[in-house]
């Protein structure tokens, strides 16, 4: 019995290792694979092109925040394969300026006016960020199929210029209730998660003066197998 348990743990650990690629980013092809039937596709969640759609908030005890759009973007962005040949508006980035009035442990959020739904079963979410080489932490805020909120840490902003930051969406538990649930076998017409925004946890040693951060190209890799193989004559719930 002990030998069987040891072998199981070894293969479980190996599966987690092979679920990451060489540079440390999650591999969507190996996340939550419980069937040979997958139709993975990279999709644009938001390009930050709508004025006033994203806003910021911070405790007034610690500072003030201003958000606005700027022309420009990361030079290293690659086009989405499914959008080749299409004319896509992608001219702006979202900028946020935080003016600290007090040093301490705090955070601020960057959020859309309403949560953004991602169709299908999301494997990874990525966004391009220019965080000005600070020790602040970027957290992705989402809600699952049942509307329950979750926080996923994307990493520290201690780098120069633009960088694409990616986080994996953990697979739901087998009971369909625990974890980040993205689908329910009773309701096949509604699946996926919704992006509620980002939270930046501020390092108190760098909470002074004015801080600037920029976002562009919020994307996801999602499994659209169910959406592409749904019966056309099936009724849609939600009326």
C-alpha atoms as a PDB file:
ATOM      1  CA  UNK A   1       0.000   0.000   0.000  1.00  0.00           C
ATOM      2  CA  UNK A   2       2.811   2.400   0.898  1.00  0.00           C
ATOM      3  CA  UNK A   3       4.568   1.581  -2.391  1.00  0.00           C
ATOM      4  CA  UNK A   4       1.398   2.368  -4.395  1.00  0.00           C
ATOM      5  CA  UNK A   5       0.943   5.655  -2.556  1.00  0.00           C
ATOM      6  CA  UNK A   6       4.592   6.616  -3.181  1.00  0.00           C
ATOM      7  CA  UNK A   7       4.286   5.876  -6.920  1.00  0.00           C
ATOM      8  CA  UNK A   8       1.084   7.939  -7.090  1.00  0.00           C
ATOM      9  CA  UNK A   9       2.759  10.917  -5.425  1.00  0.00           C
ATOM     10  CA  UNK A  10       5.753  10.698  -7.764  1.00  0.00           C
ATOM     11  CA  UNK A  11       3.568  10.765 -10.880  1.00  0.00           C
ATOM     12  CA  UNK A  12       1.427  13.556  -9.449  1.00  0.00           C
ATOM     13  CA  UNK A  13       4.520  15.696  -8.894  1.00  0.00           C
ATOM     14  CA  UNK A  14       5.782  14.877 -12.378  1.00  0.00           C
ATOM     15  CA  UNK A  15       2.464  15.973 -13.885  1.00  0.00           C
ATOM     16  CA  UNK A  16       2.780  19.361 -12.167  1.00  0.00           C
ATOM     17  CA  UNK A  17       6.345  19.821 -13.423  1.00  0.00           C
ATOM     18  CA  UNK A  18       5.432  18.994 -17.018  1.00  0.00           C
ATOM     19  CA  UNK A  19       2.490  21.389 -16.753  1.00  0.00           C
ATOM     20  CA  UNK A  20       4.960  24.290 -16.859  1.00  0.00           C
ATOM     21  CA  UNK A  21       7.159  25.274 -19.788  1.00  0.00           C
ATOM     22  CA  UNK A  22      10.870  26.010 -19.605  1.00  0.00           C
ATOM     23  CA  UNK A  23      10.520  29.728 -18.872  1.00  0.00           C
ATOM     24  CA  UNK A  24       8.119  29.161 -15.999  1.00  0.00           C
ATOM     25  CA  UNK A  25       4.855  30.118 -17.723  1.00  0.00           C
ATOM     26  CA  UNK A  26       1.963  27.645 -17.534  1.00  0.00           C
ATOM     27  CA  UNK A  27       1.355  25.436 -20.569  1.00  0.00           C
ATOM     28  CA  UNK A  28      -2.378  25.607 -21.412  1.00  0.00           C
ATOM     29  CA  UNK A  29      -2.189  22.324 -23.329  1.00  0.00           C
ATOM     30  CA  UNK A  30      -1.398  20.434 -20.130  1.00  0.00           C
ATOM     31  CA  UNK A  31      -3.689  22.218 -17.662  1.00  0.00           C
ATOM     32  CA  UNK A  32      -6.723  20.296 -16.473  1.00  0.00           C
ATOM     33  CA  UNK A  33      -6.566  17.759 -19.306  1.00  0.00           C
ATOM     34  CA  UNK A  34      -9.249  15.181 -18.489  1.00  0.00           C
ATOM     35  CA  UNK A  35     -10.276  14.386 -22.062  1.00  0.00           C
ATOM     36  CA  UNK A  36      -8.597  14.013 -25.441  1.00  0.00           C
ATOM     37  CA  UNK A  37     -11.168  16.383 -26.899  1.00  0.00           C
ATOM     38  CA  UNK A  38      -9.902  19.952 -26.667  1.00  0.00           C
ATOM     39  CA  UNK A  39     -10.150  22.971 -28.930  1.00  0.00           C
ATOM     40  CA  UNK A  40      -7.736  25.502 -27.456  1.00  0.00           C
ATOM     41  CA  UNK A  41      -7.714  29.003 -28.858  1.00  0.00           C
ATOM     42  CA  UNK A  42      -6.139  32.275 -27.805  1.00  0.00           C
ATOM     43  CA  UNK A  43      -8.732  35.036 -27.556  1.00  0.00           C
ATOM     44  CA  UNK A  44      -8.657  38.757 -26.815  1.00  0.00           C
ATOM     45  CA  UNK A  45     -10.472  39.571 -23.575  1.00  0.00           C
ATOM     46  CA  UNK A  46      -9.922  43.347 -23.727  1.00  0.00           C
ATOM     47  CA  UNK A  47      -7.485  45.638 -25.540  1.00  0.00           C
ATOM     48  CA  UNK A  48      -8.112  48.673 -23.312  1.00  0.00           C
ATOM     49  CA  UNK A  49      -9.543  50.751 -26.143  1.00  0.00           C
ATOM     50  CA  UNK A  50     -12.770  51.975 -24.499  1.00  0.00           C
ATOM     51  CA  UNK A  51     -12.560  55.299 -22.728  1.00  0.00           C
ATOM     52  CA  UNK A  52     -14.031  55.149 -19.246  1.00  0.00           C
ATOM     53  CA  UNK A  53     -14.527  51.365 -19.209  1.00  0.00           C
ATOM     54  CA  UNK A  54     -11.691  50.793 -16.723  1.00  0.00           C
ATOM     55  CA  UNK A  55     -11.251  52.731 -13.513  1.00  0.00           C
ATOM     56  CA  UNK A  56      -9.181  52.643 -10.348  1.00  0.00           C
ATOM     57  CA  UNK A  57      -9.769  52.820  -6.623  1.00  0.00           C
ATOM     58  CA  UNK A  58      -7.575  53.186  -3.543  1.00  0.00           C
ATOM     59  CA  UNK A  59      -8.259  53.982   0.093  1.00  0.00           C
ATOM     60  CA  UNK A  60      -8.311  57.790   0.490  1.00  0.00           C
ATOM     61  CA  UNK A  61      -6.240  57.301   3.631  1.00  0.00           C
ATOM     62  CA  UNK A  62      -3.272  56.341   1.448  1.00  0.00           C
ATOM     63  CA  UNK A  63      -3.574  58.304  -1.776  1.00  0.00           C
ATOM     64  CA  UNK A  64      -5.369  59.190  -4.978  1.00  0.00           C
ATOM     65  CA  UNK A  65      -5.640  57.335  -8.281  1.00  0.00           C
ATOM     66  CA  UNK A  66      -6.206  58.510 -11.863  1.00  0.00           C
ATOM     67  CA  UNK A  67      -6.715  56.295 -14.927  1.00  0.00           C
ATOM     68  CA  UNK A  68      -6.731  57.196 -18.616  1.00  0.00           C
ATOM     69  CA  UNK A  69      -5.853  55.844 -22.065  1.00  0.00           C
ATOM     70  CA  UNK A  70      -2.591  56.575 -23.887  1.00  0.00           C
ATOM     71  CA  UNK A  71      -1.525  55.880 -27.452  1.00  0.00           C
ATOM     72  CA  UNK A  72       1.145  53.227 -27.765  1.00  0.00           C
ATOM     73  CA  UNK A  73       1.754  49.656 -26.694  1.00  0.00           C
ATOM     74  CA  UNK A  74       4.353  46.896 -26.308  1.00  0.00           C
ATOM     75  CA  UNK A  75       6.446  46.343 -29.429  1.00  0.00           C
ATOM     76  CA  UNK A  76       6.788  42.616 -28.715  1.00  0.00           C
ATOM     77  CA  UNK A  77       3.059  41.815 -28.903  1.00  0.00           C
ATOM     78  CA  UNK A  78       2.299  39.022 -31.367  1.00  0.00           C
ATOM     79  CA  UNK A  79      -1.023  38.956 -33.247  1.00  0.00           C
ATOM     80  CA  UNK A  80      -3.623  36.342 -32.357  1.00  0.00           C
ATOM     81  CA  UNK A  81      -3.547  33.627 -35.082  1.00  0.00           C
ATOM     82  CA  UNK A  82      -7.347  33.487 -35.365  1.00  0.00           C
ATOM     83  CA  UNK A  83      -7.439  37.236 -36.118  1.00  0.00           C
ATOM     84  CA  UNK A  84      -5.012  37.212 -39.047  1.00  0.00           C
ATOM     85  CA  UNK A  85      -6.334  39.317 -41.896  1.00  0.00           C
ATOM     86  CA  UNK A  86      -8.803  41.161 -39.678  1.00  0.00           C
ATOM     87  CA  UNK A  87      -8.695  44.906 -39.019  1.00  0.00           C
ATOM     88  CA  UNK A  88      -8.487  45.197 -35.216  1.00  0.00           C
ATOM     89  CA  UNK A  89      -8.346  48.500 -33.347  1.00  0.00           C
ATOM     90  CA  UNK A  90      -5.386  48.302 -30.976  1.00  0.00           C
ATOM     91  CA  UNK A  91      -3.908  51.776 -30.514  1.00  0.00           C
ATOM     92  CA  UNK A  92      -4.077  52.496 -26.793  1.00  0.00           C
ATOM     93  CA  UNK A  93      -2.949  51.269 -23.403  1.00  0.00           C
ATOM     94  CA  UNK A  94      -4.488  51.887 -19.992  1.00  0.00           C
ATOM     95  CA  UNK A  95      -2.407  53.969 -17.611  1.00  0.00           C
ATOM     96  CA  UNK A  96      -2.882  54.499 -13.895  1.00  0.00           C
ATOM     97  CA  UNK A  97      -1.182  57.068 -11.679  1.00  0.00           C
ATOM     98  CA  UNK A  98      -1.208  56.697  -7.907  1.00  0.00           C
ATOM     99  CA  UNK A  99      -0.215  59.653  -5.746  1.00  0.00           C
ATOM    100  CA  UNK A 100       0.648  58.350  -2.301  1.00  0.00           C
ATOM    101  CA  UNK A 101       0.034  60.597   0.701  1.00  0.00           C
ATOM    102  CA  UNK A 102       1.045  58.039   3.282  1.00  0.00           C
ATOM    103  CA  UNK A 103       3.384  55.056   3.464  1.00  0.00           C
ATOM    104  CA  UNK A 104       1.985  51.718   4.635  1.00  0.00           C
ATOM    105  CA  UNK A 105       0.531  48.334   3.709  1.00  0.00           C
ATOM    106  CA  UNK A 106      -2.193  49.065   1.182  1.00  0.00           C
ATOM    107  CA  UNK A 107      -3.441  48.073  -2.267  1.00  0.00           C
ATOM    108  CA  UNK A 108      -5.318  49.579  -5.191  1.00  0.00           C
ATOM    109  CA  UNK A 109      -7.543  48.045  -7.847  1.00  0.00           C
ATOM    110  CA  UNK A 110      -7.957  48.493 -11.591  1.00  0.00           C
ATOM    111  CA  UNK A 111     -11.373  47.200 -12.638  1.00  0.00           C
ATOM    112  CA  UNK A 112     -13.862  47.359 -15.540  1.00  0.00           C
ATOM    113  CA  UNK A 113     -17.315  48.840 -15.055  1.00  0.00           C
ATOM    114  CA  UNK A 114     -18.677  45.289 -15.262  1.00  0.00           C
ATOM    115  CA  UNK A 115     -16.989  41.864 -15.181  1.00  0.00           C
ATOM    116  CA  UNK A 116     -15.734  40.614 -18.552  1.00  0.00           C
ATOM    117  CA  UNK A 117     -16.842  37.087 -19.455  1.00  0.00           C
ATOM    118  CA  UNK A 118     -14.455  34.638 -21.113  1.00  0.00           C
ATOM    119  CA  UNK A 119     -16.183  32.005 -23.220  1.00  0.00           C
ATOM    120  CA  UNK A 120     -15.224  28.358 -22.818  1.00  0.00           C
ATOM    121  CA  UNK A 121     -13.031  26.748 -20.180  1.00  0.00           C
ATOM    122  CA  UNK A 122     -10.185  29.171 -19.528  1.00  0.00           C
ATOM    123  CA  UNK A 123      -6.735  27.656 -19.132  1.00  0.00           C
ATOM    124  CA  UNK A 124      -4.560  30.775 -18.767  1.00  0.00           C
ATOM    125  CA  UNK A 125      -5.011  34.538 -18.573  1.00  0.00           C
ATOM    126  CA  UNK A 126      -2.275  36.983 -19.603  1.00  0.00           C
ATOM    127  CA  UNK A 127      -1.802  40.739 -19.722  1.00  0.00           C
ATOM    128  CA  UNK A 128       1.036  43.024 -20.778  1.00  0.00           C
ATOM    129  CA  UNK A 129       2.192  45.250 -17.916  1.00  0.00           C
ATOM    130  CA  UNK A 130       4.746  48.016 -17.411  1.00  0.00           C
ATOM    131  CA  UNK A 131       5.167  48.143 -13.646  1.00  0.00           C
ATOM    132  CA  UNK A 132       8.181  50.442 -13.335  1.00  0.00           C
ATOM    133  CA  UNK A 133      10.460  47.898 -11.649  1.00  0.00           C
ATOM    134  CA  UNK A 134       8.843  47.887  -8.209  1.00  0.00           C
ATOM    135  CA  UNK A 135       8.240  45.182  -5.616  1.00  0.00           C
ATOM    136  CA  UNK A 136       4.475  45.612  -5.823  1.00  0.00           C
ATOM    137  CA  UNK A 137       2.483  42.414  -6.483  1.00  0.00           C
ATOM    138  CA  UNK A 138      -0.062  41.987  -9.294  1.00  0.00           C
ATOM    139  CA  UNK A 139      -3.185  39.928  -8.518  1.00  0.00           C
ATOM    140  CA  UNK A 140      -5.868  38.872 -11.015  1.00  0.00           C
ATOM    141  CA  UNK A 141      -9.439  39.111  -9.695  1.00  0.00           C
ATOM    142  CA  UNK A 142     -11.991  36.709 -11.226  1.00  0.00           C
ATOM    143  CA  UNK A 143     -15.316  35.092 -10.445  1.00  0.00           C
ATOM    144  CA  UNK A 144     -16.297  31.543 -11.370  1.00  0.00           C
ATOM    145  CA  UNK A 145     -19.444  29.930 -12.796  1.00  0.00           C
ATOM    146  CA  UNK A 146     -21.297  30.480  -9.507  1.00  0.00           C
ATOM    147  CA  UNK A 147     -20.172  34.116  -9.203  1.00  0.00           C
ATOM    148  CA  UNK A 148     -17.741  33.351  -6.371  1.00  0.00           C
ATOM    149  CA  UNK A 149     -14.702  35.676  -6.232  1.00  0.00           C
ATOM    150  CA  UNK A 150     -11.143  34.347  -6.484  1.00  0.00           C
ATOM    151  CA  UNK A 151      -7.684  35.927  -6.438  1.00  0.00           C
ATOM    152  CA  UNK A 152      -4.774  34.624  -8.533  1.00  0.00           C
ATOM    153  CA  UNK A 153      -1.271  36.015  -7.978  1.00  0.00           C
ATOM    154  CA  UNK A 154       0.426  36.896 -11.261  1.00  0.00           C
ATOM    155  CA  UNK A 155       3.799  37.964  -9.858  1.00  0.00           C
ATOM    156  CA  UNK A 156       5.969  40.861  -8.791  1.00  0.00           C
ATOM    157  CA  UNK A 157       6.363  43.978 -10.924  1.00  0.00           C
ATOM    158  CA  UNK A 158      10.153  44.165 -10.517  1.00  0.00           C
ATOM    159  CA  UNK A 159      11.118  44.423 -14.203  1.00  0.00           C
ATOM    160  CA  UNK A 160      11.941  47.145 -16.713  1.00  0.00           C
ATOM    161  CA  UNK A 161       9.609  48.068 -19.556  1.00  0.00           C
ATOM    162  CA  UNK A 162       6.788  45.843 -20.773  1.00  0.00           C
ATOM    163  CA  UNK A 163       6.342  42.197 -19.841  1.00  0.00           C
ATOM    164  CA  UNK A 164       3.567  39.716 -20.524  1.00  0.00           C
ATOM    165  CA  UNK A 165       2.442  38.238 -17.202  1.00  0.00           C
ATOM    166  CA  UNK A 166       0.514  34.956 -17.268  1.00  0.00           C
ATOM    167  CA  UNK A 167      -1.369  32.944 -14.667  1.00  0.00           C
ATOM    168  CA  UNK A 168      -2.944  29.497 -14.881  1.00  0.00           C
ATOM    169  CA  UNK A 169      -6.559  28.905 -13.885  1.00  0.00           C
ATOM    170  CA  UNK A 170      -6.573  25.868 -11.553  1.00  0.00           C
ATOM    171  CA  UNK A 171      -8.921  23.073 -12.699  1.00  0.00           C
ATOM    172  CA  UNK A 172     -12.102  22.601 -10.698  1.00  0.00           C
ATOM    173  CA  UNK A 173     -12.513  19.655  -8.337  1.00  0.00           C
ATOM    174  CA  UNK A 174     -14.187  16.476  -9.552  1.00  0.00           C
ATOM    175  CA  UNK A 175     -17.307  17.161  -7.493  1.00  0.00           C
ATOM    176  CA  UNK A 176     -18.034  20.269  -9.598  1.00  0.00           C
ATOM    177  CA  UNK A 177     -18.477  22.407  -6.498  1.00  0.00           C
ATOM    178  CA  UNK A 178     -15.078  23.053  -4.946  1.00  0.00           C
ATOM    179  CA  UNK A 179     -12.346  25.175  -6.501  1.00  0.00           C
ATOM    180  CA  UNK A 180     -12.763  27.553  -9.435  1.00  0.00           C
ATOM    181  CA  UNK A 181     -15.784  26.024 -11.158  1.00  0.00           C
ATOM    182  CA  UNK A 182     -16.100  26.896 -14.850  1.00  0.00           C
ATOM    183  CA  UNK A 183     -18.905  24.615 -15.953  1.00  0.00           C
ATOM    184  CA  UNK A 184     -21.853  22.645 -14.643  1.00  0.00           C
ATOM    185  CA  UNK A 185     -23.213  19.548 -16.332  1.00  0.00           C
ATOM    186  CA  UNK A 186     -26.789  20.827 -15.813  1.00  0.00           C
ATOM    187  CA  UNK A 187     -26.139  24.043 -17.768  1.00  0.00           C
ATOM    188  CA  UNK A 188     -23.977  23.450 -20.807  1.00  0.00           C
ATOM    189  CA  UNK A 189     -24.839  26.800 -22.430  1.00  0.00           C
ATOM    190  CA  UNK A 190     -23.027  28.846 -19.793  1.00  0.00           C
ATOM    191  CA  UNK A 191     -19.382  28.200 -18.986  1.00  0.00           C
ATOM    192  CA  UNK A 192     -16.235  30.036 -18.097  1.00  0.00           C
ATOM    193  CA  UNK A 193     -15.014  32.728 -15.747  1.00  0.00           C
ATOM    194  CA  UNK A 194     -15.387  36.508 -15.581  1.00  0.00           C
ATOM    195  CA  UNK A 195     -12.542  38.965 -15.073  1.00  0.00           C
ATOM    196  CA  UNK A 196     -13.282  41.437 -12.291  1.00  0.00           C
ATOM    197  CA  UNK A 197     -10.016  43.363 -12.640  1.00  0.00           C
ATOM    198  CA  UNK A 198      -6.602  43.563 -11.015  1.00  0.00           C
ATOM    199  CA  UNK A 199      -5.342  44.347  -7.553  1.00  0.00           C
ATOM    200  CA  UNK A 200      -1.856  45.688  -6.898  1.00  0.00           C
ATOM    201  CA  UNK A 201      -0.565  44.948  -3.413  1.00  0.00           C
ATOM    202  CA  UNK A 202       1.800  47.788  -2.577  1.00  0.00           C
ATOM    203  CA  UNK A 203       5.189  47.275  -0.988  1.00  0.00           C
ATOM    204  CA  UNK A 204       5.209  49.828   1.880  1.00  0.00           C
ATOM    205  CA  UNK A 205       8.885  50.702   1.276  1.00  0.00           C
ATOM    206  CA  UNK A 206       7.952  51.944  -2.214  1.00  0.00           C
ATOM    207  CA  UNK A 207       4.647  53.619  -1.318  1.00  0.00           C
ATOM    208  CA  UNK A 208       5.699  57.219  -1.779  1.00  0.00           C
ATOM    209  CA  UNK A 209       5.505  59.956  -4.410  1.00  0.00           C
ATOM    210  CA  UNK A 210       3.753  59.150  -7.690  1.00  0.00           C
ATOM    211  CA  UNK A 211       3.589  55.622  -9.070  1.00  0.00           C
ATOM    212  CA  UNK A 212       2.702  54.780 -12.688  1.00  0.00           C
ATOM    213  CA  UNK A 213       1.544  51.477 -14.153  1.00  0.00           C
ATOM    214  CA  UNK A 214       0.285  50.560 -17.649  1.00  0.00           C
ATOM    215  CA  UNK A 215      -1.766  47.653 -19.045  1.00  0.00           C
ATOM    216  CA  UNK A 216      -2.393  46.327 -22.535  1.00  0.00           C
ATOM    217  CA  UNK A 217      -3.770  43.254 -24.340  1.00  0.00           C
ATOM    218  CA  UNK A 218      -5.645  41.191 -21.801  1.00  0.00           C
ATOM    219  CA  UNK A 219      -5.863  37.718 -23.352  1.00  0.00           C
ATOM    220  CA  UNK A 220      -6.853  34.164 -22.487  1.00  0.00           C
ATOM    221  CA  UNK A 221      -6.216  30.677 -23.801  1.00  0.00           C
ATOM    222  CA  UNK A 222      -9.546  28.876 -23.582  1.00  0.00           C
ATOM    223  CA  UNK A 223     -10.995  25.499 -24.534  1.00  0.00           C
ATOM    224  CA  UNK A 224     -13.907  26.105 -26.917  1.00  0.00           C
ATOM    225  CA  UNK A 225     -14.647  22.436 -27.681  1.00  0.00           C
ATOM    226  CA  UNK A 226     -18.145  22.475 -26.144  1.00  0.00           C
ATOM    227  CA  UNK A 227     -19.033  25.754 -27.878  1.00  0.00           C
ATOM    228  CA  UNK A 228     -18.005  24.420 -31.297  1.00  0.00           C
ATOM    229  CA  UNK A 229     -19.854  21.109 -30.870  1.00  0.00           C
ATOM    230  CA  UNK A 230     -23.100  22.309 -29.335  1.00  0.00           C
ATOM    231  CA  UNK A 231     -26.322  21.133 -30.954  1.00  0.00           C
ATOM    232  CA  UNK A 232     -27.748  23.942 -33.058  1.00  0.00           C
ATOM    233  CA  UNK A 233     -31.325  22.926 -32.232  1.00  0.00           C
ATOM    234  CA  UNK A 234     -30.794  22.972 -28.445  1.00  0.00           C
ATOM    235  CA  UNK A 235     -32.618  25.647 -26.492  1.00  0.00           C
ATOM    236  CA  UNK A 236     -30.633  28.286 -24.590  1.00  0.00           C
ATOM    237  CA  UNK A 237     -31.392  28.671 -20.874  1.00  0.00           C
ATOM    238  CA  UNK A 238     -31.393  32.028 -19.110  1.00  0.00           C
ATOM    239  CA  UNK A 239     -34.784  33.457 -20.098  1.00  0.00           C
END
